[in-house]
PDB file of N, CA and C in Angstrom:
ATOM      1  N   UNK A   1     -58.894  74.237  22.834  1.00  0.00           N
ATOM      2  CA  UNK A   1     -58.028  73.548  21.948  1.00  0.00           C
ATOM      3  C   UNK A   1     -56.849  72.615  21.149  1.00  0.00           C
ATOM      4  N   UNK A   2     -56.264  72.826  22.731  1.00  0.00           N
ATOM      5  CA  UNK A   2     -54.895  71.697  22.690  1.00  0.00           C
ATOM      6  C   UNK A   2     -55.719  69.943  22.862  1.00  0.00           C
ATOM      7  N   UNK A   3     -56.088  69.778  23.440  1.00  0.00           N
ATOM      8  CA  UNK A   3     -57.176  69.044  23.688  1.00  0.00           C
ATOM      9  C   UNK A   3     -57.500  68.045  22.582  1.00  0.00           C
ATOM     10  N   UNK A   4     -58.104  69.050  21.827  1.00  0.00           N
ATOM     11  CA  UNK A   4     -59.216  68.632  20.042  1.00  0.00           C
ATOM     12  C   UNK A   4     -57.005  68.860  19.422  1.00  0.00           C
ATOM     13  N   UNK A   5     -56.645  69.244  19.660  1.00  0.00           N
ATOM     14  CA  UNK A   5     -55.461  68.584  18.370  1.00  0.00           C
ATOM     15  C   UNK A   5     -54.610  66.895  18.738  1.00  0.00           C
ATOM     16  N   UNK A   6     -54.566  67.382  19.959  1.00  0.00           N
ATOM     17  CA  UNK A   6     -53.892  65.417  20.456  1.00  0.00           C
ATOM     18  C   UNK A   6     -55.029  64.476  20.097  1.00  0.00           C
ATOM     19  N   UNK A   7     -56.455  64.400  20.166  1.00  0.00           N
ATOM     20  CA  UNK A   7     -57.236  63.973  19.042  1.00  0.00           C
ATOM     21  C   UNK A   7     -56.267  63.520  18.197  1.00  0.00           C
ATOM     22  N   UNK A   8     -56.914  64.263  17.531  1.00  0.00           N
ATOM     23  CA  UNK A   8     -56.773  64.897  16.445  1.00  0.00           C
ATOM     24  C   UNK A   8     -55.108  64.241  14.987  1.00  0.00           C
ATOM     25  N   UNK A   9     -54.784  64.530  16.194  1.00  0.00           N
ATOM     26  CA  UNK A   9     -53.090  64.048  16.252  1.00  0.00           C
ATOM     27  C   UNK A   9     -52.645  62.635  15.481  1.00  0.00           C
ATOM     28  N   UNK A  10     -53.650  62.018  16.036  1.00  0.00           N
ATOM     29  CA  UNK A  10     -53.421  60.079  16.194  1.00  0.00           C
ATOM     30  C   UNK A  10     -54.102  59.855  15.097  1.00  0.00           C
ATOM     31  N   UNK A  11     -54.939  60.612  15.030  1.00  0.00           N
ATOM     32  CA  UNK A  11     -56.129  60.087  13.481  1.00  0.00           C
ATOM     33  C   UNK A  11     -55.821  60.444  11.918  1.00  0.00           C
ATOM     34  N   UNK A  12     -54.858  61.041  12.421  1.00  0.00           N
ATOM     35  CA  UNK A  12     -54.061  62.261  11.436  1.00  0.00           C
ATOM     36  C   UNK A  12     -52.837  60.282  10.444  1.00  0.00           C
ATOM     37  N   UNK A  13     -52.702  59.768  12.149  1.00  0.00           N
ATOM     38  CA  UNK A  13     -51.303  59.412  12.304  1.00  0.00           C
ATOM     39  C   UNK A  13     -51.723  57.997  11.394  1.00  0.00           C
ATOM     40  N   UNK A  14     -52.951  57.816  11.761  1.00  0.00           N
ATOM     41  CA  UNK A  14     -53.773  56.255  11.345  1.00  0.00           C
ATOM     42  C   UNK A  14     -54.213  56.257   9.722  1.00  0.00           C
ATOM     43  N   UNK A  15     -54.901  57.200   9.541  1.00  0.00           N
ATOM     44  CA  UNK A  15     -54.596  57.709   8.451  1.00  0.00           C
ATOM     45  C   UNK A  15     -53.890  57.232   7.493  1.00  0.00           C
ATOM     46  N   UNK A  16     -52.879  58.734   7.597  1.00  0.00           N
ATOM     47  CA  UNK A  16     -51.280  58.309   6.742  1.00  0.00           C
ATOM     48  C   UNK A  16     -50.604  55.964   6.819  1.00  0.00           C
ATOM     49  N   UNK A  17     -50.967  55.779   7.933  1.00  0.00           N
ATOM     50  CA  UNK A  17     -50.619  54.585   7.438  1.00  0.00           C
ATOM     51  C   UNK A  17     -51.300  53.923   6.503  1.00  0.00           C
ATOM     52  N   UNK A  18     -52.710  54.020   7.082  1.00  0.00           N
ATOM     53  CA  UNK A  18     -53.821  53.303   5.568  1.00  0.00           C
ATOM     54  C   UNK A  18     -53.606  53.752   4.519  1.00  0.00           C
ATOM     55  N   UNK A  19     -53.434  54.528   4.189  1.00  0.00           N
ATOM     56  CA  UNK A  19     -53.180  55.166   2.624  1.00  0.00           C
ATOM     57  C   UNK A  19     -51.722  54.616   1.683  1.00  0.00           C
ATOM     58  N   UNK A  20     -50.670  55.070   3.337  1.00  0.00           N
ATOM     59  CA  UNK A  20     -49.786  54.064   2.553  1.00  0.00           C
ATOM     60  C   UNK A  20     -49.351  52.902   2.224  1.00  0.00           C
ATOM     61  N   UNK A  21     -49.668  52.581   3.127  1.00  0.00           N
ATOM     62  CA  UNK A  21     -50.063  50.633   2.986  1.00  0.00           C
ATOM     63  C   UNK A  21     -51.249  50.789   1.666  1.00  0.00           C
ATOM     64  N   UNK A  22     -51.705  51.541   1.288  1.00  0.00           N
ATOM     65  CA  UNK A  22     -52.099  51.275   0.039  1.00  0.00           C
ATOM     66  C   UNK A  22     -52.019  51.516  -1.144  1.00  0.00           C
ATOM     67  N   UNK A  23     -50.904  53.109  -0.426  1.00  0.00           N
ATOM     68  CA  UNK A  23     -50.119  52.952  -2.322  1.00  0.00           C
ATOM     69  C   UNK A  23     -49.367  52.138  -1.868  1.00  0.00           C
ATOM     70  N   UNK A  24     -48.486  50.929  -0.887  1.00  0.00           N
ATOM     71  CA  UNK A  24     -48.190  50.304  -1.352  1.00  0.00           C
ATOM     72  C   UNK A  24     -48.497  48.938  -2.285  1.00  0.00           C
ATOM     73  N   UNK A  25     -49.429  48.581  -1.912  1.00  0.00           N
ATOM     74  CA  UNK A  25     -50.255  47.587  -2.821  1.00  0.00           C
ATOM     75  C   UNK A  25     -50.591  48.050  -3.851  1.00  0.00           C
ATOM     76  N   UNK A  26     -50.578  49.208  -4.263  1.00  0.00           N
ATOM     77  CA  UNK A  26     -51.399  49.280  -5.501  1.00  0.00           C
ATOM     78  C   UNK A  26     -49.713  49.464  -6.296  1.00  0.00           C
ATOM     79  N   UNK A  27     -49.048  49.905  -5.520  1.00  0.00           N
ATOM     80  CA  UNK A  27     -48.097  49.878  -6.466  1.00  0.00           C
ATOM     81  C   UNK A  27     -46.949  48.193  -6.339  1.00  0.00           C
ATOM     82  N   UNK A  28     -47.348  47.686  -6.069  1.00  0.00           N
ATOM     83  CA  UNK A  28     -46.345  46.582  -6.496  1.00  0.00           C
ATOM     84  C   UNK A  28     -47.821  46.139  -7.069  1.00  0.00           C
ATOM     85  N   UNK A  29     -48.682  45.709  -6.972  1.00  0.00           N
ATOM     86  CA  UNK A  29     -49.475  45.404  -8.729  1.00  0.00           C
ATOM     87  C   UNK A  29     -49.222  46.253  -9.568  1.00  0.00           C
ATOM     88  N   UNK A  30     -48.575  47.227  -9.700  1.00  0.00           N
ATOM     89  CA  UNK A  30     -48.308  47.753 -10.993  1.00  0.00           C
ATOM     90  C   UNK A  30     -47.269  47.328 -11.252  1.00  0.00           C
ATOM     91  N   UNK A  31     -46.153  47.358 -10.030  1.00  0.00           N
ATOM     92  CA  UNK A  31     -45.083  46.859 -10.391  1.00  0.00           C
ATOM     93  C   UNK A  31     -44.953  45.891 -10.802  1.00  0.00           C
ATOM     94  N   UNK A  32     -46.196  44.146 -10.637  1.00  0.00           N
ATOM     95  CA  UNK A  32     -46.605  42.798 -11.171  1.00  0.00           C
ATOM     96  C   UNK A  32     -47.076  43.045 -12.915  1.00  0.00           C
ATOM     97  N   UNK A  33     -47.981  43.616 -13.051  1.00  0.00           N
ATOM     98  CA  UNK A  33     -47.793  43.726 -13.683  1.00  0.00           C
ATOM     99  C   UNK A  33     -47.174  44.904 -15.298  1.00  0.00           C
ATOM    100  N   UNK A  34     -46.115  44.718 -14.695  1.00  0.00           N
ATOM    101  CA  UNK A  34     -44.667  45.418 -15.898  1.00  0.00           C
ATOM    102  C   UNK A  34     -44.578  43.741 -15.388  1.00  0.00           C
TER     103      UNK A  34
END
């Protein structure tokens, strides 16, 4: 189980990074429209 957690954690970090980038892009687009 410990090995599985170690393998899953980096994947979650990558997903969070992608989500953050997408959120920033959407935010900039919304602010530009205004």
